[in-house]
Amino acid sequence: MKKRKRLCGAPAVLGVLGVLVMAGVTPAQASTDATGLRPNPQPGRNAYPPDALPLGPSDLTETRTTTTLQPGVTLTRIVRGESDPALGWTVEVSIPGGETSPDPDAPPTALKDRASADELAGRLRQDGFSPRVEQVTTPKAADFAGGTLGWRVRVGRYDTQSAATSERGRLKTAGYTGSAVYTGWDGDATDRGPWHIDVLTIDPHRFRGGLEASYGPDLENRETTSELSNTAGATAAVNAGFFVLDPNAGAPGDPAGVGVYDGRLLSEPVNGRPGLVIHGNGRQSEIARFSWRGRVAGADTSLSLTGINRVPGLIRNCGGEHDIPTSLPLHDVTCTNPDELVAFTPDFGQSTPQGEGAEAVLDAHGRVVQLRSPRGGPLPAGGSSVQATGRRVAELTALAQAGHRLHISTTLLDGHGHPVKPSPTTDIVNGGPELVRDGRLHVTPATDGMVHPGDPSWYYGWVHKRNPRTLAGVDAAGRTVLVTADGRSTSALGLSITESAEVAKALGLRDAMNLDGGGSTTLVADHTLLNHPSDATGERPVGDALLILPDRR
C-alpha cells in the first residue's frame, strides 16, 4: 500500500511517484490520501506544521510518499522546499598562513583567523578581484561550544557552476587556490531547499524478514551497496559504517570501527565510539558505545592484542592504546603504532597483509604451523594468524612455538567496561557522532573525534556544512529507522550534522546516530538505486551495508 501525505497544502510531486514505481509499485497497486496542514505563519524553529521537517522556513511545501516494500517495511520519500533563486555559486579561496597568522607556515585552508582572511582579501583586491570576508559561526553541540569557527574569503556570485569554475580558473592564473561551491551547502536556516530524504522503517511487530549487516565476500575489499543488496536478494539496503578508502590508510574496505557480523567481532571499536546494534536479525535495535580487549594465549603466558583484521601500524580514526598522535577517536585521520599485535580471521581476505615483522600462522585447531617473516600470505582452511611488528615481534616469536596451540580471544566491552556477548543473530556497524539520545538532541562531535584541534576547516567541511548523510536509529515504538539524505547538488542540499539530528528527532527517533555519508550515501530498493550518490563516478563501493531481507520461511 502506498500513502501520500501532503504538508502545507502543496500539490503532490509526480517525480516521487515515478521513482517509486521503478521500485516495483505501479499506480494500480497504489492508493493515496492527502492531508493539507495549515502552516503556522509565524517564523522560527517552533513554527513548523505537525510532522514537518525543521528545514528552511516554516512555510515550505513538504510532500511525503510512503510505499510498503514488504510486510513491516515501509519506504517514505520526503521532498521539502523548492529551488531557491537566492542561492548561487561562488569561489571560496584558500587562505594561507600569511604574515599576521598565528602560524605563518600553516597550509592554505578554507577558514582562518580574521587577520589572515583580511590579509588575503587585501591581496585579492590589489590583483583586481572583489573578495568578501565572511564570519562562520556554528551551532552548539552536546560536547562542543560552537560559536565562531573562523573566517572565509569568497569571490563573486554566479548563477551557474561553470561561471564560478571560470572565475576559479582566473584566480588560479593569478596564483590563488580555491573551489567553486554552492551557497545552499552552507547550512543557512533561511535557505528554501530543496531537500530529498528517504526513510526506511522496520516494524518488528510485523516484520518477518531479516535486517543484517554485510561486508561482502571479505573485509578487505569494497563492493557497492547495490552489489551487496543484489547478491543477498535484499528487499532494500543502505550503506553502513565508515571504512578505509585510501590504501595508505590500510586495506580499502576494512571497517574503520566496530564491526560485528553474525555475532562475531571482526573489527575492533574506535575507543568509545557508538555503533548501531541490531539484535535478532532486526527484531530490536539500539545505539551503544563500545571498547574492546583481546589476547593471544599459549600454555604459560598471554599477550594483549592491539587490533583485529587490519593492517598493522595503521589505525583509521585512531582510538587505540598507544596510537600516535592520539589514543582518542580522531575522525578521518590514520594514526600509527610501530609496535602492534593484530589477529586475523579468514574473513579478512585471501591473504593477510604483507610487511616487516612476523606472523604466527595457526591451523583450524589453533596449532602453530608456521612462523613466517616477513609477514603476510594465505591462511590454512579455517585457520587464523597473529601478526607482530616492532617490539612485539620478539614477544610473538617466544610465544609461537611450532606445534603449540594458541588461543585468540576478543571481548567487546560496553560503555561501562562490561563484557558484551553478541548472539549469532546480532550485528553491529560503526558510525558517529550520536545525534539523539532519549528523545532529545544529543550531538557529540568532540567525543567522537569530529573536532580536529587547530583545524576548524575540517569541522567546517564535515560537520557544519551540508553533505549527503545516512542516519540510523530507533523510535519510541521500537522500530528501526534508516534515513538517507541526498546532497552536494543544487537539487538536493543535504544536511549538516545539526540538521541531521533535528531531522532524526522530527522523524520520532528516540535514539539516533550518523553512519557513513558523503559519496557513500546510498539507498537501494527492489534492485533499483533510488537515491543519487554524489560521486561523479556514480555509486561508491563501500565497506559494509545494512540489508533488509525478505521472509524466506
Protein backbone atom coordinates (compact mmCIF):
# COMPACT_ATOMS: atom_id res chain seq x y z
CA MET A 1 0.00 0.00 0.00
CA LYS A 2 1.21 3.49 -0.78
CA LYS A 3 0.13 6.52 1.22
CA ARG A 4 0.89 10.07 0.27
CA LYS A 5 0.82 12.90 2.79
CA ARG A 6 0.88 16.45 1.52
CA LEU A 7 2.08 19.06 4.01
CA CYS A 8 1.26 22.77 3.65
CA GLY A 9 -1.42 22.09 1.05
CA ALA A 10 1.03 21.67 -1.84
CA PRO A 11 0.42 19.58 -4.97
CA ALA A 12 1.95 16.13 -5.00
CA VAL A 13 5.34 15.75 -6.67
CA LEU A 14 4.88 13.38 -9.60
CA GLY A 15 8.61 12.63 -9.77
CA VAL A 16 8.42 10.88 -6.42
CA LEU A 17 5.70 8.53 -7.64
CA GLY A 18 7.71 7.84 -10.76
CA VAL A 19 10.76 6.80 -8.78
CA LEU A 20 8.72 4.57 -6.51
CA VAL A 21 7.03 2.94 -9.49
CA MET A 22 10.54 1.95 -10.58
CA ALA A 23 10.88 0.26 -7.21
CA GLY A 24 8.07 -2.10 -8.07
CA VAL A 25 4.90 -0.19 -7.14
CA THR A 26 2.54 0.58 -10.00
CA PRO A 27 -0.24 3.16 -9.97
CA ALA A 28 -2.77 0.32 -9.98
CA GLN A 29 -1.28 -1.02 -6.75
CA ALA A 30 -1.08 2.35 -5.06
CA SER A 31 -3.72 4.12 -3.02
CA THR A 32 -3.13 7.67 -1.83
CA ASP A 33 -4.60 10.09 0.64
CA ALA A 34 -3.62 13.74 1.01
CA THR A 35 -3.99 15.89 4.07
CA GLY A 36 -3.35 19.62 3.88
CA LEU A 37 -1.94 21.06 7.09
CA ARG A 38 -2.17 24.82 7.58
CA PRO A 39 1.30 26.31 8.05
CA ASN A 40 1.92 28.46 11.08
CA PRO A 41 2.65 31.92 9.65
CA GLN A 42 4.99 32.84 12.49
CA PRO A 43 8.67 32.20 11.63
CA GLY A 44 11.01 30.33 13.93
CA ARG A 45 12.06 26.85 14.95
CA ASN A 46 8.79 26.20 16.79
CA ALA A 47 6.56 27.33 13.95
CA TYR A 48 6.61 24.20 11.79
CA PRO A 49 3.41 22.31 11.00
CA PRO A 50 2.93 18.99 12.78
CA ASP A 51 5.23 16.27 11.38
CA ALA A 52 7.08 18.68 9.07
CA LEU A 53 10.86 18.53 8.94
CA PRO A 54 12.57 21.54 10.58
CA LEU A 55 14.45 22.54 7.43
CA GLY A 56 14.29 26.02 5.95
CA PRO A 57 11.41 28.45 6.63
CA SER A 58 8.23 27.01 8.14
CA ASP A 59 6.06 27.80 5.10
CA LEU A 60 7.85 25.42 2.72
CA THR A 61 5.96 22.75 0.81
CA GLU A 62 6.68 19.21 2.01
CA THR A 63 5.46 16.10 0.20
CA ARG A 64 5.68 12.56 1.58
CA THR A 65 5.06 9.36 -0.33
CA THR A 66 5.04 6.07 1.58
CA THR A 67 5.39 2.65 -0.03
CA THR A 68 5.16 -0.76 1.65
CA LEU A 69 8.14 -2.81 0.44
CA GLN A 70 7.25 -5.97 2.38
CA PRO A 71 5.21 -6.66 5.50
CA GLY A 72 6.59 -4.49 8.28
CA VAL A 73 8.85 -2.42 6.00
CA THR A 74 7.91 0.97 4.55
CA LEU A 75 9.83 3.49 2.46
CA THR A 76 8.85 7.15 2.80
CA ARG A 77 10.24 9.69 0.37
CA ILE A 78 10.19 13.27 1.65
CA VAL A 79 10.67 16.22 -0.69
CA ARG A 80 10.81 19.55 1.10
CA GLY A 81 11.18 23.02 -0.36
CA GLU A 82 11.89 24.17 -3.86
CA SER A 83 14.65 25.62 -5.97
CA ASP A 84 15.82 28.81 -4.28
CA PRO A 85 16.74 31.70 -6.60
CA ALA A 86 18.57 33.39 -3.73
CA LEU A 87 21.21 30.65 -3.84
CA GLY A 88 24.07 30.56 -6.28
CA TRP A 89 27.69 29.64 -6.90
CA THR A 90 30.78 31.36 -5.57
CA VAL A 91 34.52 30.75 -5.31
CA GLU A 92 35.88 30.00 -1.85
CA VAL A 93 39.55 31.00 -1.83
CA SER A 94 42.01 29.04 0.30
CA ILE A 95 43.64 31.18 2.99
CA PRO A 96 47.40 30.75 3.52
CA GLY A 97 49.05 31.43 6.87
CA GLY A 98 50.21 34.93 5.99
CA GLU A 99 52.30 37.40 7.95
CA THR A 100 49.56 38.08 10.52
CA SER A 101 48.63 34.43 11.12
CA PRO A 102 49.49 32.72 14.44
CA ASP A 103 51.11 30.06 12.24
CA PRO A 104 52.53 31.72 9.09
CA ASP A 105 53.69 28.33 7.77
CA ALA A 106 50.25 26.72 8.01
CA PRO A 107 48.93 25.29 4.71
CA PRO A 108 46.07 27.05 2.93
CA THR A 109 42.65 26.21 4.34
CA ALA A 110 39.05 27.33 3.95
CA LEU A 111 38.90 29.02 7.38
CA LYS A 112 41.47 31.04 9.29
CA ASP A 113 41.60 33.87 11.81
CA ARG A 114 40.18 37.26 10.83
CA ALA A 115 43.60 38.85 10.29
CA SER A 116 44.67 36.15 7.83
CA ALA A 117 41.38 36.42 5.95
CA ASP A 118 41.67 40.22 5.74
CA GLU A 119 45.25 39.94 4.55
CA LEU A 120 44.24 37.60 1.73
CA ALA A 121 41.31 39.83 0.79
CA GLY A 122 43.67 42.79 0.53
CA ARG A 123 45.95 40.95 -1.88
CA LEU A 124 42.97 39.87 -3.96
CA ARG A 125 41.79 43.47 -4.27
CA GLN A 126 45.24 44.55 -5.39
CA ASP A 127 45.03 41.90 -8.13
CA GLY A 128 41.69 43.18 -9.38
CA PHE A 129 39.25 40.82 -7.63
CA SER A 130 36.31 41.76 -5.38
CA PRO A 131 36.52 39.49 -2.33
CA ARG A 132 34.32 39.41 0.73
CA VAL A 133 35.32 38.18 4.18
CA GLU A 134 32.60 36.21 5.99
CA GLN A 135 32.46 35.06 9.59
CA VAL A 136 31.40 31.42 10.03
CA THR A 137 29.55 30.50 13.23
CA THR A 138 28.36 27.02 14.09
CA PRO A 139 25.67 25.73 16.49
CA LYS A 140 26.46 24.46 19.95
CA ALA A 141 26.54 20.68 20.39
CA ALA A 142 26.29 18.49 23.48
CA ASP A 143 30.09 18.44 23.85
CA PHE A 144 31.21 21.38 21.70
CA ALA A 145 30.69 25.05 22.47
CA GLY A 146 30.13 26.10 18.88
CA GLY A 147 30.34 29.80 18.08
CA THR A 148 32.83 31.28 15.63
CA LEU A 149 34.78 28.68 13.67
CA GLY A 150 36.75 31.25 11.69
CA TRP A 151 36.56 33.48 8.63
CA ARG A 152 36.35 32.54 4.96
CA VAL A 153 37.13 34.54 1.83
CA ARG A 154 34.87 34.33 -1.20
CA VAL A 155 34.84 35.92 -4.63
CA GLY A 156 31.79 36.53 -6.81
CA ARG A 157 28.27 35.21 -7.01
CA TYR A 158 27.21 33.30 -10.11
CA ASP A 159 24.08 31.62 -11.40
CA THR A 160 25.94 28.61 -12.78
CA GLN A 161 28.72 26.32 -11.67
CA SER A 162 30.53 26.84 -14.97
CA ALA A 163 30.73 30.59 -14.37
CA ALA A 164 32.17 30.02 -10.88
CA THR A 165 34.63 27.49 -12.27
CA SER A 166 35.72 30.02 -14.87
CA GLU A 167 36.42 32.59 -12.14
CA ARG A 168 38.29 29.94 -10.19
CA GLY A 169 40.49 29.46 -13.25
CA ARG A 170 41.18 33.19 -13.38
CA LEU A 171 42.13 33.13 -9.69
CA LYS A 172 44.42 30.17 -10.26
CA THR A 173 46.21 32.04 -13.03
CA ALA A 174 46.77 34.88 -10.56
CA GLY A 175 48.33 32.44 -8.06
CA TYR A 176 45.39 31.62 -5.80
CA THR A 177 43.73 28.30 -4.99
CA GLY A 178 40.14 27.60 -4.12
CA SER A 179 36.98 25.80 -5.12
CA ALA A 180 33.62 26.54 -6.68
CA VAL A 181 30.89 25.99 -4.07
CA TYR A 182 27.10 26.30 -4.00
CA THR A 183 25.87 28.61 -1.26
CA GLY A 184 22.99 26.23 -0.49
CA TRP A 185 25.53 23.90 1.10
CA ASP A 186 26.46 26.48 3.75
CA GLY A 187 23.61 25.49 6.07
CA ASP A 188 21.77 28.80 6.37
CA ALA A 189 18.38 28.42 8.08
CA THR A 190 16.73 30.75 5.55
CA ASP A 191 17.53 28.55 2.53
CA ARG A 192 14.40 27.24 0.83
CA GLY A 193 15.79 23.94 -0.36
CA PRO A 194 15.14 21.56 -1.88
CA TRP A 195 15.80 18.54 0.33
CA HIS A 196 15.33 14.90 -0.74
CA ILE A 197 15.19 12.45 2.17
CA ASP A 198 14.27 8.76 2.20
CA VAL A 199 13.17 6.89 5.32
CA LEU A 200 13.10 3.10 5.71
CA THR A 201 11.06 1.97 8.72
CA ILE A 202 11.14 -1.60 10.03
CA ASP A 203 8.32 -2.54 12.41
CA PRO A 204 9.40 -5.56 14.49
CA HIS A 205 5.77 -6.42 15.26
CA ARG A 206 5.03 -7.13 11.58
CA PHE A 207 8.49 -7.74 10.13
CA ARG A 208 9.23 -11.39 9.33
CA GLY A 209 12.36 -10.96 7.24
CA GLY A 210 15.86 -10.10 8.40
CA LEU A 211 17.92 -6.97 8.94
CA GLU A 212 21.60 -7.79 8.65
CA ALA A 213 24.96 -6.14 8.06
CA SER A 214 27.05 -7.48 5.18
CA TYR A 215 30.66 -6.78 4.24
CA GLY A 216 30.59 -9.00 1.15
CA PRO A 217 32.98 -11.84 0.34
CA ASP A 218 35.76 -10.42 2.55
CA LEU A 219 36.59 -7.47 4.75
CA GLU A 220 39.49 -6.05 2.77
CA ASN A 221 37.67 -5.25 -0.46
CA ARG A 222 34.83 -2.89 -1.30
CA GLU A 223 31.54 -3.52 -3.06
CA THR A 224 28.69 -1.16 -3.87
CA THR A 225 25.57 -1.24 -1.75
CA SER A 226 23.71 -2.39 -4.87
CA GLU A 227 26.08 -5.34 -5.30
CA LEU A 228 25.75 -6.37 -1.66
CA SER A 229 21.96 -5.99 -1.84
CA ASN A 230 21.52 -7.88 -5.09
CA THR A 231 23.82 -10.73 -4.06
CA ALA A 232 21.76 -11.27 -0.90
CA GLY A 233 18.41 -10.84 -2.65
CA ALA A 234 17.58 -7.96 -0.32
CA THR A 235 14.35 -6.00 -0.47
CA ALA A 236 16.19 -2.78 0.40
CA ALA A 237 19.59 -1.64 1.61
CA VAL A 238 21.56 1.40 2.73
CA ASN A 239 25.28 1.89 3.19
CA ALA A 240 26.54 1.39 6.73
CA GLY A 241 29.75 2.23 8.63
CA PHE A 242 32.96 4.15 7.99
CA PHE A 243 35.71 2.21 6.23
CA VAL A 244 39.23 2.53 4.89
CA LEU A 245 39.24 4.16 1.45
CA ASP A 246 42.89 5.07 0.84
CA PRO A 247 45.40 2.17 0.55
CA ASN A 248 47.84 4.35 2.51
CA ALA A 249 45.40 4.17 5.44
CA GLY A 250 45.10 0.38 5.50
CA ALA A 251 43.16 -2.20 3.49
CA PRO A 252 40.42 -0.48 1.41
CA GLY A 253 37.03 -1.77 2.55
CA ASP A 254 38.13 -2.64 6.08
CA PRO A 255 35.59 -1.22 8.61
CA ALA A 256 37.09 1.78 10.43
CA GLY A 257 35.43 1.00 13.73
CA VAL A 258 33.40 -1.68 15.41
CA GLY A 259 32.15 -4.48 13.17
CA VAL A 260 30.18 -7.45 14.49
CA TYR A 261 28.68 -9.81 11.93
CA ASP A 262 26.60 -12.86 12.91
CA GLY A 263 27.72 -12.31 16.49
CA ARG A 264 31.47 -12.32 15.70
CA LEU A 265 33.71 -9.32 16.42
CA LEU A 266 35.66 -8.91 13.18
CA SER A 267 36.75 -5.27 13.53
CA GLU A 268 37.69 -3.58 16.78
CA PRO A 269 35.90 -0.45 18.02
CA VAL A 270 37.33 3.03 17.83
CA ASN A 271 37.65 3.59 21.56
CA GLY A 272 34.24 4.57 22.95
CA ARG A 273 32.55 5.48 19.67
CA PRO A 274 28.94 4.43 19.02
CA GLY A 275 27.62 1.55 16.99
CA LEU A 276 24.20 0.59 15.69
CA VAL A 277 23.32 -2.74 17.31
CA ILE A 278 20.84 -4.99 15.52
CA HIS A 279 19.51 -7.83 17.67
CA GLY A 280 17.58 -10.87 16.47
CA ASN A 281 18.08 -10.08 12.76
CA GLY A 282 16.15 -6.84 13.14
CA ARG A 283 13.70 -7.59 15.91
CA GLN A 284 15.31 -4.98 18.16
CA SER A 285 17.91 -2.25 17.66
CA GLU A 286 19.82 0.11 19.90
CA ILE A 287 22.74 2.53 19.88
CA ALA A 288 25.59 1.82 22.27
CA ARG A 289 29.21 2.79 22.78
CA PHE A 290 31.97 0.19 22.72
CA SER A 291 35.57 -0.58 23.51
CA TRP A 292 37.28 -3.99 23.48
CA ARG A 293 40.13 -6.18 24.67
CA GLY A 294 41.87 -9.11 23.08
CA ARG A 295 44.58 -11.63 23.89
CA VAL A 296 46.55 -14.44 22.32
CA ALA A 297 47.42 -17.11 24.89
CA GLY A 298 49.83 -20.01 24.95
CA ALA A 299 50.34 -22.67 27.60
CA ASP A 300 52.10 -20.44 30.12
CA THR A 301 51.59 -16.84 29.07
CA SER A 302 49.43 -14.50 27.03
CA LEU A 303 49.87 -11.28 25.07
CA SER A 304 47.48 -8.37 24.55
CA LEU A 305 46.21 -7.68 21.04
CA THR A 306 46.01 -4.21 19.53
CA GLY A 307 43.78 -4.94 16.53
CA ILE A 308 41.62 -7.34 14.54
CA ASN A 309 41.69 -7.85 10.77
CA ARG A 310 43.53 -4.66 9.78
CA VAL A 311 46.93 -3.64 8.50
CA PRO A 312 49.32 -3.45 11.49
CA GLY A 313 50.61 0.04 12.20
CA LEU A 314 47.70 1.88 10.53
CA ILE A 315 44.67 2.73 12.66
CA ARG A 316 41.96 4.58 10.77
CA ASN A 317 40.08 7.03 13.02
CA CYS A 318 42.60 6.31 15.82
CA GLY A 319 41.34 5.40 19.29
CA GLY A 320 43.70 2.53 20.09
CA GLU A 321 46.07 2.29 23.05
CA HIS A 322 49.44 3.96 22.31
CA ASP A 323 48.26 5.26 18.93
CA ILE A 324 50.17 8.22 17.54
CA PRO A 325 49.21 11.08 17.73
CA THR A 326 46.26 10.16 19.96
CA SER A 327 44.53 7.27 21.67
CA LEU A 328 41.26 9.20 21.43
CA PRO A 329 38.96 9.00 18.39
CA LEU A 330 40.02 11.36 15.59
CA HIS A 331 37.85 11.03 12.54
CA ASP A 332 39.31 10.70 9.04
CA VAL A 333 42.83 10.54 10.49
CA THR A 334 45.09 7.50 10.24
CA CYS A 335 47.05 7.05 13.45
CA THR A 336 50.16 4.89 13.60
CA ASN A 337 51.66 2.45 16.07
CA PRO A 338 55.02 0.78 15.33
CA ASP A 339 54.52 -1.97 17.93
CA GLU A 340 51.39 -3.97 17.20
CA LEU A 341 49.91 -7.42 17.62
CA VAL A 342 46.97 -7.91 15.24
CA ALA A 343 44.83 -11.05 14.91
CA PHE A 344 43.42 -12.22 11.58
CA THR A 345 40.49 -14.48 10.75
CA PRO A 346 39.69 -15.97 7.33
CA ASP A 347 37.10 -13.19 6.92
CA PHE A 348 39.84 -10.65 6.16
CA GLY A 349 40.59 -11.89 2.65
CA GLN A 350 42.59 -14.31 0.54
CA SER A 351 45.88 -13.18 2.04
CA THR A 352 46.95 -11.32 5.18
CA PRO A 353 48.83 -8.01 4.81
CA GLN A 354 52.48 -8.20 3.85
CA GLY A 355 55.28 -6.24 5.52
CA GLU A 356 58.09 -6.25 8.03
CA GLY A 357 57.56 -8.20 11.20
CA ALA A 358 56.48 -11.75 11.98
CA GLU A 359 53.31 -13.82 11.69
CA ALA A 360 52.25 -16.91 13.59
CA VAL A 361 50.02 -18.98 11.28
CA LEU A 362 47.51 -21.26 13.02
CA ASP A 363 45.50 -24.15 11.62
CA ALA A 364 41.79 -24.67 12.28
CA HIS A 365 42.66 -26.20 15.69
CA GLY A 366 44.85 -23.29 16.79
CA ARG A 367 48.16 -25.11 16.31
CA VAL A 368 51.13 -23.09 15.11
CA VAL A 369 52.00 -24.41 11.63
CA GLN A 370 54.35 -21.62 10.59
CA LEU A 371 56.16 -18.58 11.95
CA ARG A 372 56.87 -16.51 8.89
CA SER A 373 58.90 -13.36 8.44
CA PRO A 374 58.29 -11.08 6.70
CA ARG A 375 54.60 -11.34 7.50
CA GLY A 376 51.77 -11.86 5.03
CA GLY A 377 50.30 -14.64 2.93
CA PRO A 378 47.40 -17.09 2.71
CA LEU A 379 45.93 -18.87 5.72
CA PRO A 380 45.11 -22.59 6.07
CA ALA A 381 41.46 -23.56 5.58
CA GLY A 382 39.61 -22.44 8.70
CA GLY A 383 42.87 -21.09 10.14
CA SER A 384 43.92 -17.78 11.61
CA SER A 385 47.05 -15.83 12.40
CA VAL A 386 48.64 -13.18 14.58
CA GLN A 387 50.96 -10.56 13.09
CA ALA A 388 53.57 -8.67 15.10
CA THR A 389 55.53 -5.52 14.32
CA GLY A 390 58.30 -3.62 16.10
CA ARG A 391 58.90 -4.60 19.71
CA ARG A 392 56.03 -7.09 19.63
CA VAL A 393 57.93 -9.39 17.22
CA ALA A 394 60.13 -10.81 19.98
CA GLU A 395 57.09 -11.41 22.19
CA LEU A 396 55.23 -13.33 19.48
CA THR A 397 58.30 -15.31 18.47
CA ALA A 398 58.78 -16.51 22.04
CA LEU A 399 55.11 -17.49 22.34
CA ALA A 400 54.51 -19.15 18.98
CA GLN A 401 56.46 -22.41 19.04
CA ALA A 402 55.77 -24.81 16.17
CA GLY A 403 53.09 -27.36 17.05
CA HIS A 404 51.96 -25.49 20.17
CA ARG A 405 48.37 -24.34 20.48
CA LEU A 406 47.50 -20.67 20.74
CA HIS A 407 44.11 -19.34 21.73
CA ILE A 408 42.92 -16.00 20.33
CA SER A 409 40.16 -14.30 22.32
CA THR A 410 38.42 -10.98 21.77
CA THR A 411 35.84 -9.35 24.04
CA LEU A 412 33.53 -6.48 23.21
CA LEU A 413 33.01 -4.06 26.10
CA ASP A 414 30.09 -1.69 26.66
CA GLY A 415 30.35 1.94 27.73
CA HIS A 416 30.86 0.87 31.36
CA GLY A 417 33.62 -1.61 30.53
CA HIS A 418 31.39 -4.65 30.98
CA PRO A 419 31.72 -7.61 28.58
CA VAL A 420 29.14 -7.87 25.80
CA LYS A 421 28.38 -11.26 24.27
CA PRO A 422 26.58 -10.80 20.95
CA SER A 423 24.36 -13.66 19.84
CA PRO A 424 24.71 -15.23 16.37
CA THR A 425 21.78 -13.04 15.25
CA THR A 426 23.43 -9.77 16.33
CA ASP A 427 25.22 -7.37 14.00
CA ILE A 428 26.90 -4.06 14.91
CA VAL A 429 28.10 -1.37 12.48
CA ASN A 430 30.19 1.66 13.35
CA GLY A 431 29.42 5.34 12.97
CA GLY A 432 29.27 8.67 14.77
CA PRO A 433 28.51 11.13 16.08
CA GLU A 434 25.44 10.48 18.17
CA LEU A 435 22.50 12.65 17.15
CA VAL A 436 19.59 11.92 19.50
CA ARG A 437 19.55 10.29 22.93
CA ASP A 438 16.39 9.51 24.91
CA GLY A 439 14.34 11.65 22.54
CA ARG A 440 16.48 14.77 22.95
CA LEU A 441 19.08 16.31 20.66
CA HIS A 442 22.46 14.94 21.74
CA VAL A 443 25.16 15.68 19.13
CA THR A 444 28.64 14.50 20.14
CA PRO A 445 31.25 15.63 17.58
CA ALA A 446 34.03 16.22 20.13
CA THR A 447 33.60 12.86 21.88
CA ASP A 448 33.61 11.02 18.57
CA GLY A 449 36.62 12.74 17.04
CA MET A 450 34.96 15.18 14.65
CA VAL A 451 36.62 18.20 16.28
CA HIS A 452 40.18 18.47 15.00
CA PRO A 453 42.31 20.65 17.30
CA GLY A 454 43.81 23.56 15.38
CA ASP A 455 41.91 22.71 12.19
CA PRO A 456 38.50 24.41 12.12
CA SER A 457 38.30 23.89 8.35
CA TRP A 458 37.81 20.17 8.86
CA TYR A 459 34.84 20.72 11.17
CA TYR A 460 33.52 23.34 8.77
CA GLY A 461 33.51 20.93 5.83
CA TRP A 462 32.42 17.72 7.57
CA VAL A 463 30.13 18.80 10.42
CA HIS A 464 28.97 22.35 9.76
CA LYS A 465 28.28 22.27 6.03
CA ARG A 466 25.54 20.28 4.31
CA ASN A 467 26.51 16.91 2.86
CA PRO A 468 24.79 13.68 1.87
CA ARG A 469 24.06 11.76 5.08
CA THR A 470 22.99 8.29 6.18
CA LEU A 471 21.40 8.06 9.63
CA ALA A 472 20.07 5.22 11.77
CA GLY A 473 18.09 4.91 14.95
CA VAL A 474 15.12 3.54 16.80
CA ASP A 475 11.82 5.23 17.61
CA ALA A 476 9.63 5.05 20.70
CA ALA A 477 7.68 2.13 19.21
CA GLY A 478 10.86 0.08 18.85
CA ARG A 479 11.01 0.44 15.08
CA THR A 480 14.40 0.59 13.40
CA VAL A 481 14.66 3.60 11.09
CA LEU A 482 17.27 4.10 8.35
CA VAL A 483 17.49 7.51 6.67
CA THR A 484 19.36 8.78 3.62
CA ALA A 485 19.60 12.41 2.51
CA ASP A 486 20.95 13.33 -0.91
CA GLY A 487 23.29 16.29 -1.16
CA ARG A 488 26.14 18.08 -2.93
CA SER A 489 23.84 19.17 -5.73
CA THR A 490 21.55 22.09 -6.46
CA SER A 491 18.52 19.77 -6.48
CA ALA A 492 19.25 18.29 -3.03
CA LEU A 493 21.12 20.40 -0.50
CA GLY A 494 21.99 17.70 2.03
CA LEU A 495 22.17 18.11 5.80
CA SER A 496 24.62 19.49 8.33
CA ILE A 497 25.21 17.27 11.36
CA THR A 498 22.98 19.55 13.45
CA GLU A 499 20.24 19.37 10.80
CA SER A 500 20.67 15.58 10.72
CA ALA A 501 19.92 15.47 14.44
CA GLU A 502 16.91 17.75 14.06
CA VAL A 503 15.57 15.61 11.20
CA ALA A 504 16.06 12.41 13.22
CA LYS A 505 14.20 13.91 16.17
CA ALA A 506 11.40 15.22 13.92
CA LEU A 507 11.01 11.70 12.49
CA GLY A 508 10.32 10.49 16.02
CA LEU A 509 13.62 8.76 16.73
CA ARG A 510 14.30 8.17 20.40
CA ASP A 511 17.96 7.39 19.73
CA ALA A 512 19.87 8.12 16.53
CA MET A 513 23.40 8.25 15.15
CA ASN A 514 25.21 9.20 11.98
CA LEU A 515 26.55 6.47 9.69
CA ASP A 516 28.97 6.97 6.79
CA GLY A 517 27.77 9.64 4.38
CA GLY A 518 29.06 11.81 1.58
CA GLY A 519 29.65 9.83 -1.58
CA SER A 520 28.87 6.62 0.35
CA THR A 521 25.22 7.54 0.98
CA THR A 522 23.15 5.02 -0.99
CA LEU A 523 19.61 3.65 -0.95
CA VAL A 524 18.59 0.57 -2.93
CA ALA A 525 15.10 -0.95 -3.07
CA ASP A 526 13.86 -3.84 -5.20
CA HIS A 527 17.22 -3.97 -7.06
CA THR A 528 16.92 -0.31 -8.04
CA LEU A 529 19.19 2.54 -6.98
CA LEU A 530 16.70 5.10 -5.68
CA ASN A 531 18.84 7.97 -4.48
CA HIS A 532 21.50 9.99 -6.30
CA PRO A 533 25.01 9.24 -4.92
CA SER A 534 27.18 12.34 -5.09
CA ASP A 535 30.41 10.90 -6.51
CA ALA A 536 30.99 11.91 -10.13
CA THR A 537 31.78 8.27 -10.92
CA GLY A 538 28.42 7.07 -9.59
CA GLU A 539 27.72 4.66 -6.76
CA ARG A 540 30.71 4.29 -4.45
CA PRO A 541 31.94 0.85 -3.35
CA VAL A 542 31.71 0.70 0.45
CA GLY A 543 32.90 -1.39 3.38
CA ASP A 544 29.56 -2.76 4.54
CA ALA A 545 25.83 -2.23 4.14
CA LEU A 546 22.60 -2.82 6.06
CA LEU A 547 20.35 -5.24 4.18
CA ILE A 548 16.61 -5.73 4.67
CA LEU A 549 15.93 -9.34 3.66
CA PRO A 550 12.60 -10.94 2.73
CA ASP A 551 10.91 -13.66 4.74
CA ARG A 552 12.34 -16.91 3.33
CA ARG A 553 10.47 -19.32 5.59
